[in-house]
Amino acid sequence: MSVVLDDENYLKGILKDNEWLHSNYRKLIEKYNNQYIAIKGQDIKANANTLDEFKAILKQNNLDFDMILVEHITNDKECR
């Protein structure tokens, strides 16, 4: 039963993070344009210019790729 509750809490967290991402996208472009970012708890936990660098930072900081919201920030309208 606790696994179901953990899954529900995880999904609620991801939804909140996704809402936060979209609400703050313009500000994020100013600071993180063309970067990968990791969001958890409506906070940026990691950022990097390349995917390989980003993965290394996540590993170094013990951030599980599957447990955070990952986004490539860009002001390119075709990518959004």
Protein backbone atom coordinates (compact mmCIF):
# COMPACT_ATOMS: atom_id res chain seq x y z
CA MET A 1 0.00 0.00 0.00
CA SER A 2 2.82 2.45 0.73
CA VAL A 3 4.11 1.98 -2.82
CA VAL A 4 0.78 3.24 -4.17
CA LEU A 5 0.92 6.26 -1.86
CA ASP A 6 4.53 6.92 -2.88
CA ASP A 7 3.51 6.74 -6.55
CA GLU A 8 0.63 9.13 -5.91
CA ASN A 9 2.89 11.59 -4.07
CA TYR A 10 5.49 11.32 -6.84
CA LEU A 11 2.88 12.10 -9.50
CA LYS A 12 1.50 15.04 -7.51
CA GLY A 13 5.04 16.39 -7.16
CA ILE A 14 5.75 16.05 -10.88
CA LEU A 15 2.48 17.81 -11.73
CA LYS A 16 3.32 20.69 -9.37
CA ASP A 17 6.82 20.92 -10.84
CA ASN A 18 5.39 20.93 -14.36
CA GLU A 19 2.98 23.75 -13.45
CA TRP A 20 5.86 25.68 -11.90
CA LEU A 21 7.97 25.13 -15.03
CA HIS A 22 5.29 26.55 -17.32
CA SER A 23 4.50 29.46 -14.97
CA ASN A 24 8.17 30.45 -14.80
CA TYR A 25 9.33 29.57 -18.32
CA ARG A 26 10.13 33.16 -19.37
CA LYS A 27 12.30 33.68 -16.28
CA LEU A 28 13.97 30.33 -16.85
CA ILE A 29 14.83 31.29 -20.44
CA GLU A 30 16.63 34.39 -19.13
CA LYS A 31 18.86 32.33 -16.85
CA TYR A 32 19.02 28.85 -18.44
CA ASN A 33 18.49 29.36 -22.19
CA ASN A 34 19.74 26.35 -24.20
CA GLN A 35 20.45 24.38 -21.03
CA TYR A 36 19.08 21.21 -19.51
CA ILE A 37 17.54 21.68 -16.07
CA ALA A 38 16.37 19.32 -13.33
CA ILE A 39 13.37 20.43 -11.29
CA LYS A 40 12.22 18.96 -8.00
CA GLY A 41 10.04 20.66 -5.42
CA GLN A 42 9.62 23.71 -7.68
CA ASP A 43 13.37 24.31 -7.51
CA ILE A 44 16.24 23.92 -9.97
CA LYS A 45 18.45 21.11 -8.68
CA ALA A 46 20.90 20.96 -11.61
CA ASN A 47 21.65 22.57 -14.95
CA ALA A 48 24.14 22.06 -17.78
CA ASN A 49 24.77 23.00 -21.38
CA THR A 50 25.08 19.46 -22.74
CA LEU A 51 23.17 16.28 -22.00
CA ASP A 52 26.35 14.39 -21.11
CA GLU A 53 27.38 17.11 -18.66
CA PHE A 54 23.85 17.16 -17.25
CA LYS A 55 23.83 13.39 -16.67
CA ALA A 56 27.22 13.61 -14.95
CA ILE A 57 25.96 16.37 -12.62
CA LEU A 58 22.86 14.35 -11.76
CA LYS A 59 25.00 11.32 -10.95
CA GLN A 60 27.46 13.41 -8.93
CA ASN A 61 24.60 14.85 -6.86
CA ASN A 62 22.78 11.52 -6.46
CA LEU A 63 19.75 12.80 -8.37
CA ASP A 64 17.74 9.99 -9.94
CA PHE A 65 16.92 10.86 -13.57
CA ASP A 66 13.57 9.07 -13.19
CA MET A 67 12.54 10.99 -10.06
CA ILE A 68 12.91 14.56 -11.30
CA LEU A 69 11.40 16.70 -14.02
CA VAL A 70 13.93 17.28 -16.82
CA GLU A 71 13.54 20.02 -19.40
CA HIS A 72 15.68 21.56 -22.12
CA ILE A 73 15.05 25.30 -21.86
CA THR A 74 14.99 27.18 -25.14
CA ASN A 75 13.49 30.32 -26.58
CA ASP A 76 13.26 28.63 -29.98
CA LYS A 77 9.51 28.63 -30.64
CA GLU A 78 9.76 25.49 -32.79
CA CYS A 79 11.02 23.49 -29.81
CA ARG A 80 8.32 24.54 -27.35
